[in-house]
Structures are given as structure tokens and as C-alpha cells.
Amino acid sequence: PGFGRALYHFILPLFKSWPANRLRIVRAACLLHDVNWRAHPDYRHEAC
């Protein structure tokens, strides 16, 4: 917990030109990027 915020700031240089409404989704994605880690690796992408 908390790594999502750090991840967001690490990848932000790629998306600085994106509009504010899309940056919200970038932040949300970083916060959720690891919450399905308990799923089987073969299906983790589907669970996400």
C-alpha cells in the first residue's frame, strides 16, 4: 500500500501532456495496479 502513488510520479513524464480528466484515470490505474495480485498468474490480467 502506497506504492501506487510512487508509481504514478515515476511514469508521469510520459503523460504530462494528457488532459486532467485522463490523468485522473492514470492515477486510478496506478493505485489499482497490484490489487489483484492474489489471482493465478495465468488469469491475473483478466481479473484486473
ModelCIF file with pLDDT and N, C-alpha, C, O atoms, coordinates in Angstrom:
data_MODEL
#
_entry.id   MODEL 
#
_entity.id                         1 
_entity.type                       polymer 
_entity.pdbx_number_of_molecules   1 
#
_entity_poly.entity_id                      1 
_entity_poly.type                           'polypeptide(L)' 
_entity_poly.nstd_linkage                   no 
_entity_poly.nstd_monomer                   no 
_entity_poly.pdbx_seq_one_letter_code       PGFGRALYHFILPLFKSWPANRLRIVRAACLLHDVNWRAHPDYRHEAC 
_entity_poly.pdbx_seq_one_letter_code_can   PGFGRALYHFILPLFKSWPANRLRIVRAACLLHDVNWRAHPDYRHEAC 
_entity_poly.pdbx_strand_id                 A 
#
loop_
_entity_poly_seq.entity_id 
_entity_poly_seq.num 
_entity_poly_seq.mon_id 
_entity_poly_seq.hetero 
1 1  PRO n 
1 2  GLY n 
1 3  PHE n 
1 4  GLY n 
1 5  ARG n 
1 6  ALA n 
1 7  LEU n 
1 8  TYR n 
1 9  HIS n 
1 10 PHE n 
1 11 ILE n 
1 12 LEU n 
1 13 PRO n 
1 14 LEU n 
1 15 PHE n 
1 16 LYS n 
1 17 SER n 
1 18 TRP n 
1 19 PRO n 
1 20 ALA n 
1 21 ASN n 
1 22 ARG n 
1 23 LEU n 
1 24 ARG n 
1 25 ILE n 
1 26 VAL n 
1 27 ARG n 
1 28 ALA n 
1 29 ALA n 
1 30 CYS n 
1 31 LEU n 
1 32 LEU n 
1 33 HIS n 
1 34 ASP n 
1 35 VAL n 
1 36 ASN n 
1 37 TRP n 
1 38 ARG n 
1 39 ALA n 
1 40 HIS n 
1 41 PRO n 
1 42 ASP n 
1 43 TYR n 
1 44 ARG n 
1 45 HIS n 
1 46 GLU n 
1 47 ALA n 
1 48 CYS n 
#
_struct_asym.id          A 
_struct_asym.entity_id   1 
#
loop_
_ma_qa_metric.id 
_ma_qa_metric.mode 
_ma_qa_metric.name 
_ma_qa_metric.software_group_id 
_ma_qa_metric.type 
1 global pLDDT . pLDDT 
2 local  pLDDT . pLDDT 
#
_ma_qa_metric_global.metric_id      1 
_ma_qa_metric_global.metric_value   94.94 
_ma_qa_metric_global.model_id       1 
_ma_qa_metric_global.ordinal_id     1 
#
loop_
_ma_qa_metric_local.label_asym_id 
_ma_qa_metric_local.label_comp_id 
_ma_qa_metric_local.label_seq_id 
_ma_qa_metric_local.metric_id 
_ma_qa_metric_local.metric_value 
_ma_qa_metric_local.model_id 
_ma_qa_metric_local.ordinal_id 
A PRO 1  2 93.00 1 1  
A GLY 2  2 92.00 1 2  
A PHE 3  2 94.00 1 3  
A GLY 4  2 95.00 1 4  
A ARG 5  2 94.00 1 5  
A ALA 6  2 94.00 1 6  
A LEU 7  2 96.00 1 7  
A TYR 8  2 96.00 1 8  
A HIS 9  2 95.00 1 9  
A PHE 10 2 96.00 1 10 
A ILE 11 2 97.00 1 11 
A LEU 12 2 97.00 1 12 
A PRO 13 2 97.00 1 13 
A LEU 14 2 98.00 1 14 
A PHE 15 2 97.00 1 15 
A LYS 16 2 94.00 1 16 
A SER 17 2 95.00 1 17 
A TRP 18 2 96.00 1 18 
A PRO 19 2 95.00 1 19 
A ALA 20 2 94.00 1 20 
A ASN 21 2 93.00 1 21 
A ARG 22 2 96.00 1 22 
A LEU 23 2 97.00 1 23 
A ARG 24 2 96.00 1 24 
A ILE 25 2 97.00 1 25 
A VAL 26 2 98.00 1 26 
A ARG 27 2 97.00 1 27 
A ALA 28 2 97.00 1 28 
A ALA 29 2 98.00 1 29 
A CYS 30 2 97.00 1 30 
A LEU 31 2 96.00 1 31 
A LEU 32 2 97.00 1 32 
A HIS 33 2 96.00 1 33 
A ASP 34 2 94.00 1 34 
A VAL 35 2 95.00 1 35 
A ASN 36 2 95.00 1 36 
A TRP 37 2 94.00 1 37 
A ARG 38 2 94.00 1 38 
A ALA 39 2 94.00 1 39 
A HIS 40 2 94.00 1 40 
A PRO 41 2 92.00 1 41 
A ASP 42 2 91.00 1 42 
A TYR 43 2 91.00 1 43 
A ARG 44 2 93.00 1 44 
A HIS 45 2 92.00 1 45 
A GLU 46 2 92.00 1 46 
A ALA 47 2 93.00 1 47 
A CYS 48 2 93.00 1 48 
#
loop_
_atom_site.group_PDB 
_atom_site.id 
_atom_site.type_symbol 
_atom_site.label_atom_id 
_atom_site.label_alt_id 
_atom_site.label_comp_id 
_atom_site.label_asym_id 
_atom_site.label_entity_id 
_atom_site.label_seq_id 
_atom_site.pdbx_PDB_ins_code 
_atom_site.Cartn_x 
_atom_site.Cartn_y 
_atom_site.Cartn_z 
_atom_site.occupancy 
_atom_site.B_iso_or_equiv 
_atom_site.pdbx_formal_charge 
_atom_site.auth_seq_id 
_atom_site.auth_comp_id 
_atom_site.auth_asym_id 
_atom_site.auth_atom_id 
_atom_site.pdbx_PDB_model_num 
ATOM 1   N N  . PRO A 1 1  ? 0.835   -1.206  0.000   1.00 93.00 ? 1  PRO A N  1 
ATOM 2   C CA . PRO A 1 1  ? 0.000   0.000   0.000   1.00 93.00 ? 1  PRO A CA 1 
ATOM 3   C C  . PRO A 1 1  ? 0.871   1.258   0.000   1.00 93.00 ? 1  PRO A C  1 
ATOM 4   O O  . PRO A 1 1  ? 1.832   1.373   0.760   1.00 93.00 ? 1  PRO A O  1 
ATOM 5   N N  . GLY A 1 2  ? 0.509   2.182   -0.863  1.00 92.00 ? 2  GLY A N  1 
ATOM 6   C CA . GLY A 1 2  ? 1.268   3.416   -1.002  1.00 92.00 ? 2  GLY A CA 1 
ATOM 7   C C  . GLY A 1 2  ? 2.156   3.435   -2.229  1.00 92.00 ? 2  GLY A C  1 
ATOM 8   O O  . GLY A 1 2  ? 2.545   4.508   -2.689  1.00 92.00 ? 2  GLY A O  1 
ATOM 9   N N  . PHE A 1 3  ? 2.493   2.246   -2.782  1.00 94.00 ? 3  PHE A N  1 
ATOM 10  C CA . PHE A 1 3  ? 3.361   2.201   -3.948  1.00 94.00 ? 3  PHE A CA 1 
ATOM 11  C C  . PHE A 1 3  ? 2.693   2.813   -5.174  1.00 94.00 ? 3  PHE A C  1 
ATOM 12  O O  . PHE A 1 3  ? 3.376   3.331   -6.058  1.00 94.00 ? 3  PHE A O  1 
ATOM 13  N N  . GLY A 1 4  ? 1.367   2.759   -5.235  1.00 95.00 ? 4  GLY A N  1 
ATOM 14  C CA . GLY A 1 4  ? 0.665   3.316   -6.391  1.00 95.00 ? 4  GLY A CA 1 
ATOM 15  C C  . GLY A 1 4  ? 0.973   4.783   -6.611  1.00 95.00 ? 4  GLY A C  1 
ATOM 16  O O  . GLY A 1 4  ? 1.129   5.225   -7.749  1.00 95.00 ? 4  GLY A O  1 
ATOM 17  N N  . ARG A 1 5  ? 1.063   5.542   -5.525  1.00 94.00 ? 5  ARG A N  1 
ATOM 18  C CA . ARG A 1 5  ? 1.380   6.965   -5.647  1.00 94.00 ? 5  ARG A CA 1 
ATOM 19  C C  . ARG A 1 5  ? 2.793   7.154   -6.199  1.00 94.00 ? 5  ARG A C  1 
ATOM 20  O O  . ARG A 1 5  ? 3.023   8.001   -7.062  1.00 94.00 ? 5  ARG A O  1 
ATOM 21  N N  . ALA A 1 6  ? 3.743   6.350   -5.688  1.00 94.00 ? 6  ALA A N  1 
ATOM 22  C CA . ALA A 1 6  ? 5.119   6.435   -6.166  1.00 94.00 ? 6  ALA A CA 1 
ATOM 23  C C  . ALA A 1 6  ? 5.207   6.048   -7.643  1.00 94.00 ? 6  ALA A C  1 
ATOM 24  O O  . ALA A 1 6  ? 5.933   6.677   -8.413  1.00 94.00 ? 6  ALA A O  1 
ATOM 25  N N  . LEU A 1 7  ? 4.472   5.021   -8.027  1.00 96.00 ? 7  LEU A N  1 
ATOM 26  C CA . LEU A 1 7  ? 4.459   4.583   -9.424  1.00 96.00 ? 7  LEU A CA 1 
ATOM 27  C C  . LEU A 1 7  ? 3.919   5.676   -10.330 1.00 96.00 ? 7  LEU A C  1 
ATOM 28  O O  . LEU A 1 7  ? 4.446   5.916   -11.416 1.00 96.00 ? 7  LEU A O  1 
ATOM 29  N N  . TYR A 1 8  ? 2.854   6.337   -9.870  1.00 96.00 ? 8  TYR A N  1 
ATOM 30  C CA . TYR A 1 8  ? 2.260   7.418   -10.660 1.00 96.00 ? 8  TYR A CA 1 
ATOM 31  C C  . TYR A 1 8  ? 3.290   8.498   -10.965 1.00 96.00 ? 8  TYR A C  1 
ATOM 32  O O  . TYR A 1 8  ? 3.408   8.932   -12.111 1.00 96.00 ? 8  TYR A O  1 
ATOM 33  N N  . HIS A 1 9  ? 4.033   8.932   -9.961  1.00 95.00 ? 9  HIS A N  1 
ATOM 34  C CA . HIS A 1 9  ? 5.004   10.006  -10.175 1.00 95.00 ? 9  HIS A CA 1 
ATOM 35  C C  . HIS A 1 9  ? 6.190   9.533   -11.013 1.00 95.00 ? 9  HIS A C  1 
ATOM 36  O O  . HIS A 1 9  ? 6.820   10.341  -11.695 1.00 95.00 ? 9  HIS A O  1 
ATOM 37  N N  . PHE A 1 10 ? 6.502   8.243   -10.973 1.00 96.00 ? 10 PHE A N  1 
ATOM 38  C CA . PHE A 1 10 ? 7.600   7.718   -11.780 1.00 96.00 ? 10 PHE A CA 1 
ATOM 39  C C  . PHE A 1 10 ? 7.260   7.733   -13.268 1.00 96.00 ? 10 PHE A C  1 
ATOM 40  O O  . PHE A 1 10 ? 8.092   8.104   -14.097 1.00 96.00 ? 10 PHE A O  1 
ATOM 41  N N  . ILE A 1 11 ? 6.022   7.325   -13.605 1.00 97.00 ? 11 ILE A N  1 
ATOM 42  C CA . ILE A 1 11 ? 5.668   7.246   -15.031 1.00 97.00 ? 11 ILE A CA 1 
ATOM 43  C C  . ILE A 1 11 ? 5.057   8.542   -15.563 1.00 97.00 ? 11 ILE A C  1 
ATOM 44  O O  . ILE A 1 11 ? 4.813   8.656   -16.765 1.00 97.00 ? 11 ILE A O  1 
ATOM 45  N N  . LEU A 1 12 ? 4.806   9.518   -14.690 1.00 97.00 ? 12 LEU A N  1 
ATOM 46  C CA . LEU A 1 12 ? 4.122   10.750  -15.096 1.00 97.00 ? 12 LEU A CA 1 
ATOM 47  C C  . LEU A 1 12 ? 4.788   11.485  -16.259 1.00 97.00 ? 12 LEU A C  1 
ATOM 48  O O  . LEU A 1 12 ? 4.074   12.062  -17.078 1.00 97.00 ? 12 LEU A O  1 
ATOM 49  N N  . PRO A 1 13 ? 6.122   11.495  -16.375 1.00 97.00 ? 13 PRO A N  1 
ATOM 50  C CA . PRO A 1 13 ? 6.718   12.212  -17.514 1.00 97.00 ? 13 PRO A CA 1 
ATOM 51  C C  . PRO A 1 13 ? 6.171   11.782  -18.879 1.00 97.00 ? 13 PRO A C  1 
ATOM 52  O O  . PRO A 1 13 ? 6.173   12.572  -19.823 1.00 97.00 ? 13 PRO A O  1 
ATOM 53  N N  . LEU A 1 14 ? 5.711   10.549  -18.985 1.00 98.00 ? 14 LEU A N  1 
ATOM 54  C CA . LEU A 1 14 ? 5.169   10.070  -20.252 1.00 98.00 ? 14 LEU A CA 1 
ATOM 55  C C  . LEU A 1 14 ? 3.813   10.691  -20.583 1.00 98.00 ? 14 LEU A C  1 
ATOM 56  O O  . LEU A 1 14 ? 3.410   10.713  -21.746 1.00 98.00 ? 14 LEU A O  1 
ATOM 57  N N  . PHE A 1 15 ? 3.112   11.193  -19.576 1.00 97.00 ? 15 PHE A N  1 
ATOM 58  C CA . PHE A 1 15 ? 1.710   11.563  -19.749 1.00 97.00 ? 15 PHE A CA 1 
ATOM 59  C C  . PHE A 1 15 ? 1.412   13.016  -19.380 1.00 97.00 ? 15 PHE A C  1 
ATOM 60  O O  . PHE A 1 15 ? 0.249   13.392  -19.235 1.00 97.00 ? 15 PHE A O  1 
ATOM 61  N N  . LYS A 1 16 ? 2.442   13.822  -19.230 1.00 94.00 ? 16 LYS A N  1 
ATOM 62  C CA . LYS A 1 16 ? 2.224   15.194  -18.762 1.00 94.00 ? 16 LYS A CA 1 
ATOM 63  C C  . LYS A 1 16 ? 1.355   16.018  -19.706 1.00 94.00 ? 16 LYS A C  1 
ATOM 64  O O  . LYS A 1 16 ? 0.707   16.973  -19.278 1.00 94.00 ? 16 LYS A O  1 
ATOM 65  N N  . SER A 1 17 ? 1.338   15.659  -20.979 1.00 95.00 ? 17 SER A N  1 
ATOM 66  C CA . SER A 1 17 ? 0.534   16.420  -21.942 1.00 95.00 ? 17 SER A CA 1 
ATOM 67  C C  . SER A 1 17 ? -0.924  15.976  -21.960 1.00 95.00 ? 17 SER A C  1 
ATOM 68  O O  . SER A 1 17 ? -1.752  16.597  -22.627 1.00 95.00 ? 17 SER A O  1 
ATOM 69  N N  . TRP A 1 18 ? -1.244  14.906  -21.232 1.00 96.00 ? 18 TRP A N  1 
ATOM 70  C CA . TRP A 1 18 ? -2.617  14.412  -21.232 1.00 96.00 ? 18 TRP A CA 1 
ATOM 71  C C  . TRP A 1 18 ? -3.527  15.362  -20.454 1.00 96.00 ? 18 TRP A C  1 
ATOM 72  O O  . TRP A 1 18 ? -3.076  16.011  -19.510 1.00 96.00 ? 18 TRP A O  1 
ATOM 73  N N  . PRO A 1 19 ? -4.794  15.451  -20.837 1.00 95.00 ? 19 PRO A N  1 
ATOM 74  C CA . PRO A 1 19 ? -5.722  16.347  -20.123 1.00 95.00 ? 19 PRO A CA 1 
ATOM 75  C C  . PRO A 1 19 ? -5.984  15.856  -18.702 1.00 95.00 ? 19 PRO A C  1 
ATOM 76  O O  . PRO A 1 19 ? -5.720  14.701  -18.367 1.00 95.00 ? 19 PRO A O  1 
ATOM 77  N N  . ALA A 1 20 ? -6.511  16.763  -17.872 1.00 94.00 ? 20 ALA A N  1 
ATOM 78  C CA . ALA A 1 20 ? -6.721  16.471  -16.462 1.00 94.00 ? 20 ALA A CA 1 
ATOM 79  C C  . ALA A 1 20 ? -7.624  15.262  -16.256 1.00 94.00 ? 20 ALA A C  1 
ATOM 80  O O  . ALA A 1 20 ? -7.363  14.443  -15.374 1.00 94.00 ? 20 ALA A O  1 
ATOM 81  N N  . ASN A 1 21 ? -8.685  15.137  -17.058 1.00 93.00 ? 21 ASN A N  1 
ATOM 82  C CA . ASN A 1 21 ? -9.608  14.019  -16.846 1.00 93.00 ? 21 ASN A CA 1 
ATOM 83  C C  . ASN A 1 21 ? -8.948  12.673  -17.139 1.00 93.00 ? 21 ASN A C  1 
ATOM 84  O O  . ASN A 1 21 ? -9.299  11.668  -16.520 1.00 93.00 ? 21 ASN A O  1 
ATOM 85  N N  . ARG A 1 22 ? -8.003  12.640  -18.067 1.00 96.00 ? 22 ARG A N  1 
ATOM 86  C CA . ARG A 1 22 ? -7.305  11.386  -18.357 1.00 96.00 ? 22 ARG A CA 1 
ATOM 87  C C  . ARG A 1 22 ? -6.233  11.098  -17.301 1.00 96.00 ? 22 ARG A C  1 
ATOM 88  O O  . ARG A 1 22 ? -5.979  9.937   -16.979 1.00 96.00 ? 22 ARG A O  1 
ATOM 89  N N  . LEU A 1 23 ? -5.605  12.142  -16.763 1.00 97.00 ? 23 LEU A N  1 
ATOM 90  C CA . LEU A 1 23 ? -4.619  11.929  -15.703 1.00 97.00 ? 23 LEU A CA 1 
ATOM 91  C C  . LEU A 1 23 ? -5.265  11.341  -14.446 1.00 97.00 ? 23 LEU A C  1 
ATOM 92  O O  . LEU A 1 23 ? -4.611  10.612  -13.700 1.00 97.00 ? 23 LEU A O  1 
ATOM 93  N N  . ARG A 1 24 ? -6.531  11.650  -14.208 1.00 96.00 ? 24 ARG A N  1 
ATOM 94  C CA . ARG A 1 24 ? -7.265  11.005  -13.105 1.00 96.00 ? 24 ARG A CA 1 
ATOM 95  C C  . ARG A 1 24 ? -7.257  9.481   -13.279 1.00 96.00 ? 24 ARG A C  1 
ATOM 96  O O  . ARG A 1 24 ? -7.062  8.739   -12.317 1.00 96.00 ? 24 ARG A O  1 
ATOM 97  N N  . ILE A 1 25 ? -7.466  9.037   -14.497 1.00 97.00 ? 25 ILE A N  1 
ATOM 98  C CA . ILE A 1 25 ? -7.524  7.603   -14.763 1.00 97.00 ? 25 ILE A CA 1 
ATOM 99  C C  . ILE A 1 25 ? -6.131  6.988   -14.637 1.00 97.00 ? 25 ILE A C  1 
ATOM 100 O O  . ILE A 1 25 ? -5.996  5.851   -14.184 1.00 97.00 ? 25 ILE A O  1 
ATOM 101 N N  . VAL A 1 26 ? -5.097  7.729   -15.033 1.00 98.00 ? 26 VAL A N  1 
ATOM 102 C CA . VAL A 1 26 ? -3.720  7.249   -14.833 1.00 98.00 ? 26 VAL A CA 1 
ATOM 103 C C  . VAL A 1 26 ? -3.456  7.035   -13.350 1.00 98.00 ? 26 VAL A C  1 
ATOM 104 O O  . VAL A 1 26 ? -2.894  6.015   -12.953 1.00 98.00 ? 26 VAL A O  1 
ATOM 105 N N  . ARG A 1 27 ? -3.865  8.004   -12.534 1.00 97.00 ? 27 ARG A N  1 
ATOM 106 C CA . ARG A 1 27 ? -3.662  7.883   -11.091 1.00 97.00 ? 27 ARG A CA 1 
ATOM 107 C C  . ARG A 1 27 ? -4.449  6.693   -10.532 1.00 97.00 ? 27 ARG A C  1 
ATOM 108 O O  . ARG A 1 27 ? -3.930  5.920   -9.727  1.00 97.00 ? 27 ARG A O  1 
ATOM 109 N N  . ALA A 1 28 ? -5.702  6.556   -10.966 1.00 97.00 ? 28 ALA A N  1 
ATOM 110 C CA . ALA A 1 28 ? -6.517  5.427   -10.508 1.00 97.00 ? 28 ALA A CA 1 
ATOM 111 C C  . ALA A 1 28 ? -5.872  4.099   -10.894 1.00 97.00 ? 28 ALA A C  1 
ATOM 112 O O  . ALA A 1 28 ? -5.852  3.166   -10.091 1.00 97.00 ? 28 ALA A O  1 
ATOM 113 N N  . ALA A 1 29 ? -5.344  4.006   -12.117 1.00 98.00 ? 29 ALA A N  1 
ATOM 114 C CA . ALA A 1 29 ? -4.716  2.768   -12.579 1.00 98.00 ? 29 ALA A CA 1 
ATOM 115 C C  . ALA A 1 29 ? -3.502  2.422   -11.715 1.00 98.00 ? 29 ALA A C  1 
ATOM 116 O O  . ALA A 1 29 ? -3.303  1.261   -11.356 1.00 98.00 ? 29 ALA A O  1 
ATOM 117 N N  . CYS A 1 30 ? -2.696  3.426   -11.384 1.00 97.00 ? 30 CYS A N  1 
ATOM 118 C CA . CYS A 1 30 ? -1.518  3.168   -10.560 1.00 97.00 ? 30 CYS A CA 1 
ATOM 119 C C  . CYS A 1 30 ? -1.916  2.684   -9.171  1.00 97.00 ? 30 CYS A C  1 
ATOM 120 O O  . CYS A 1 30 ? -1.258  1.810   -8.606  1.00 97.00 ? 30 CYS A O  1 
ATOM 121 N N  . LEU A 1 31 ? -2.985  3.242   -8.620  1.00 96.00 ? 31 LEU A N  1 
ATOM 122 C CA . LEU A 1 31 ? -3.454  2.810   -7.307  1.00 96.00 ? 31 LEU A CA 1 
ATOM 123 C C  . LEU A 1 31 ? -3.956  1.370   -7.328  1.00 96.00 ? 31 LEU A C  1 
ATOM 124 O O  . LEU A 1 31 ? -3.816  0.642   -6.345  1.00 96.00 ? 31 LEU A O  1 
ATOM 125 N N  . LEU A 1 32 ? -4.546  0.962   -8.460  1.00 97.00 ? 32 LEU A N  1 
ATOM 126 C CA . LEU A 1 32 ? -5.138  -0.374  -8.566  1.00 97.00 ? 32 LEU A CA 1 
ATOM 127 C C  . LEU A 1 32 ? -4.208  -1.400  -9.203  1.00 97.00 ? 32 LEU A C  1 
ATOM 128 O O  . LEU A 1 32 ? -4.586  -2.562  -9.352  1.00 97.00 ? 32 LEU A O  1 
ATOM 129 N N  . HIS A 1 33 ? -2.998  -0.990  -9.582  1.00 96.00 ? 33 HIS A N  1 
ATOM 130 C CA . HIS A 1 33 ? -2.169  -1.836  -10.446 1.00 96.00 ? 33 HIS A CA 1 
ATOM 131 C C  . HIS A 1 33 ? -1.841  -3.185  -9.831  1.00 96.00 ? 33 HIS A C  1 
ATOM 132 O O  . HIS A 1 33 ? -1.521  -4.127  -10.555 1.00 96.00 ? 33 HIS A O  1 
ATOM 133 N N  . ASP A 1 34 ? -1.915  -3.300  -8.499  1.00 94.00 ? 34 ASP A N  1 
ATOM 134 C CA . ASP A 1 34 ? -1.442  -4.518  -7.854  1.00 94.00 ? 34 ASP A CA 1 
ATOM 135 C C  . ASP A 1 34 ? -2.500  -5.180  -6.968  1.00 94.00 ? 34 ASP A C  1 
ATOM 136 O O  . ASP A 1 34 ? -2.188  -6.136  -6.257  1.00 94.00 ? 34 ASP A O  1 
ATOM 137 N N  . VAL A 1 35 ? -3.735  -4.697  -6.994  1.00 95.00 ? 35 VAL A N  1 
ATOM 138 C CA . VAL A 1 35 ? -4.716  -5.176  -6.014  1.00 95.00 ? 35 VAL A CA 1 
ATOM 139 C C  . VAL A 1 35 ? -5.223  -6.586  -6.325  1.00 95.00 ? 35 VAL A C  1 
ATOM 140 O O  . VAL A 1 35 ? -5.851  -7.216  -5.475  1.00 95.00 ? 35 VAL A O  1 
ATOM 141 N N  . ASN A 1 36 ? -4.958  -7.085  -7.534  1.00 95.00 ? 36 ASN A N  1 
ATOM 142 C CA . ASN A 1 36 ? -5.384  -8.441  -7.893  1.00 95.00 ? 36 ASN A CA 1 
ATOM 143 C C  . ASN A 1 36 ? -4.225  -9.425  -7.880  1.00 95.00 ? 36 ASN A C  1 
ATOM 144 O O  . ASN A 1 36 ? -4.256  -10.427 -8.595  1.00 95.00 ? 36 ASN A O  1 
ATOM 145 N N  . TRP A 1 37 ? -3.220  -9.157  -7.088  1.00 94.00 ? 37 TRP A N  1 
ATOM 146 C CA . TRP A 1 37 ? -2.023  -9.994  -7.105  1.00 94.00 ? 37 TRP A CA 1 
ATOM 147 C C  . TRP A 1 37 ? -2.279  -11.424 -6.640  1.00 94.00 ? 37 TRP A C  1 
ATOM 148 O O  . TRP A 1 37 ? -1.506  -12.327 -6.960  1.00 94.00 ? 37 TRP A O  1 
ATOM 149 N N  . ARG A 1 38 ? -3.369  -11.640 -5.880  1.00 94.00 ? 38 ARG A N  1 
ATOM 150 C CA . ARG A 1 38 ? -3.661  -12.994 -5.406  1.00 94.00 ? 38 ARG A CA 1 
ATOM 151 C C  . ARG A 1 38 ? -4.227  -13.901 -6.499  1.00 94.00 ? 38 ARG A C  1 
ATOM 152 O O  . ARG A 1 38 ? -4.268  -15.120 -6.331  1.00 94.00 ? 38 ARG A O  1 
ATOM 153 N N  . ALA A 1 39 ? -4.659  -13.321 -7.608  1.00 94.00 ? 39 ALA A N  1 
ATOM 154 C CA . ALA A 1 39 ? -5.197  -14.145 -8.697  1.00 94.00 ? 39 ALA A CA 1 
ATOM 155 C C  . ALA A 1 39 ? -4.084  -15.012 -9.305  1.00 94.00 ? 39 ALA A C  1 
ATOM 156 O O  . ALA A 1 39 ? -2.904  -14.669 -9.228  1.00 94.00 ? 39 ALA A O  1 
ATOM 157 N N  . HIS A 1 40 ? -4.476  -16.128 -9.903  1.00 94.00 ? 40 HIS A N  1 
ATOM 158 C CA . HIS A 1 40 ? -3.497  -17.005 -10.553 1.00 94.00 ? 40 HIS A CA 1 
ATOM 159 C C  . HIS A 1 40 ? -2.777  -16.209 -11.646 1.00 94.00 ? 40 HIS A C  1 
ATOM 160 O O  . HIS A 1 40 ? -3.425  -15.477 -12.394 1.00 94.00 ? 40 HIS A O  1 
ATOM 161 N N  . PRO A 1 41 ? -1.448  -16.339 -11.754 1.00 92.00 ? 41 PRO A N  1 
ATOM 162 C CA . PRO A 1 41 ? -0.704  -15.554 -12.746 1.00 92.00 ? 41 PRO A CA 1 
ATOM 163 C C  . PRO A 1 41 ? -1.228  -15.668 -14.173 1.00 92.00 ? 41 PRO A C  1 
ATOM 164 O O  . PRO A 1 41 ? -1.156  -14.711 -14.943 1.00 92.00 ? 41 PRO A O  1 
ATOM 165 N N  . ASP A 1 42 ? -1.759  -16.852 -14.528 1.00 91.00 ? 42 ASP A N  1 
ATOM 166 C CA . ASP A 1 42 ? -2.256  -17.035 -15.891 1.00 91.00 ? 42 ASP A CA 1 
ATOM 167 C C  . ASP A 1 42 ? -3.521  -16.223 -16.164 1.00 91.00 ? 42 ASP A C  1 
ATOM 168 O O  . ASP A 1 42 ? -3.860  -15.961 -17.318 1.00 91.00 ? 42 ASP A O  1 
ATOM 169 N N  . TYR A 1 43 ? -4.218  -15.825 -15.094 1.00 91.00 ? 43 TYR A N  1 
ATOM 170 C CA . TYR A 1 43 ? -5.502  -15.124 -15.263 1.00 91.00 ? 43 TYR A CA 1 
ATOM 171 C C  . TYR A 1 43 ? -5.520  -13.753 -14.587 1.00 91.00 ? 43 TYR A C  1 
ATOM 172 O O  . TYR A 1 43 ? -6.567  -13.115 -14.484 1.00 91.00 ? 43 TYR A O  1 
ATOM 173 N N  . ARG A 1 44 ? -4.353  -13.312 -14.131 1.00 93.00 ? 44 ARG A N  1 
ATOM 174 C CA . ARG A 1 44 ? -4.302  -12.045 -13.398 1.00 93.00 ? 44 ARG A CA 1 
ATOM 175 C C  . ARG A 1 44 ? -4.740  -10.877 -14.277 1.00 93.00 ? 44 ARG A C  1 
ATOM 176 O O  . ARG A 1 44 ? -5.411  -9.958  -13.807 1.00 93.00 ? 44 ARG A O  1 
ATOM 177 N N  . HIS A 1 45 ? -4.361  -10.915 -15.540 1.00 92.00 ? 45 HIS A N  1 
ATOM 178 C CA . HIS A 1 45 ? -4.750  -9.824  -16.441 1.00 92.00 ? 45 HIS A CA 1 
ATOM 179 C C  . HIS A 1 45 ? -6.268  -9.777  -16.604 1.00 92.00 ? 45 HIS A C  1 
ATOM 180 O O  . HIS A 1 45 ? -6.852  -8.698  -16.701 1.00 92.00 ? 45 HIS A O  1 
ATOM 181 N N  . GLU A 1 46 ? -6.906  -10.951 -16.633 1.00 92.00 ? 46 GLU A N  1 
ATOM 182 C CA . GLU A 1 46 ? -8.363  -10.996 -16.747 1.00 92.00 ? 46 GLU A CA 1 
ATOM 183 C C  . GLU A 1 46 ? -9.020  -10.487 -15.471 1.00 92.00 ? 46 GLU A C  1 
ATOM 184 O O  . GLU A 1 46 ? -10.008 -9.756  -15.523 1.00 92.00 ? 46 GLU A O  1 
ATOM 185 N N  . ALA A 1 47 ? -8.467  -10.879 -14.322 1.00 93.00 ? 47 ALA A N  1 
ATOM 186 C CA . ALA A 1 47 ? -9.013  -10.410 -13.042 1.00 93.00 ? 47 ALA A CA 1 
ATOM 187 C C  . ALA A 1 47 ? -8.932  -8.897  -12.947 1.00 93.00 ? 47 ALA A C  1 
ATOM 188 O O  . ALA A 1 47 ? -9.855  -8.249  -12.455 1.00 93.00 ? 47 ALA A O  1 
ATOM 189 N N  . CYS A 1 48 ? -7.819  -8.331  -13.422 1.00 93.00 ? 48 CYS A N  1 
ATOM 190 C CA . CYS A 1 48 ? -7.655  -6.872  -13.406 1.00 93.00 ? 48 CYS A CA 1 
ATOM 191 C C  . CYS A 1 48 ? -8.702  -6.185  -14.271 1.00 93.00 ? 48 CYS A C  1 
ATOM 192 O O  . CYS A 1 48 ? -8.710  -4.958  -14.372 1.00 93.00 ? 48 CYS A O  1 
#
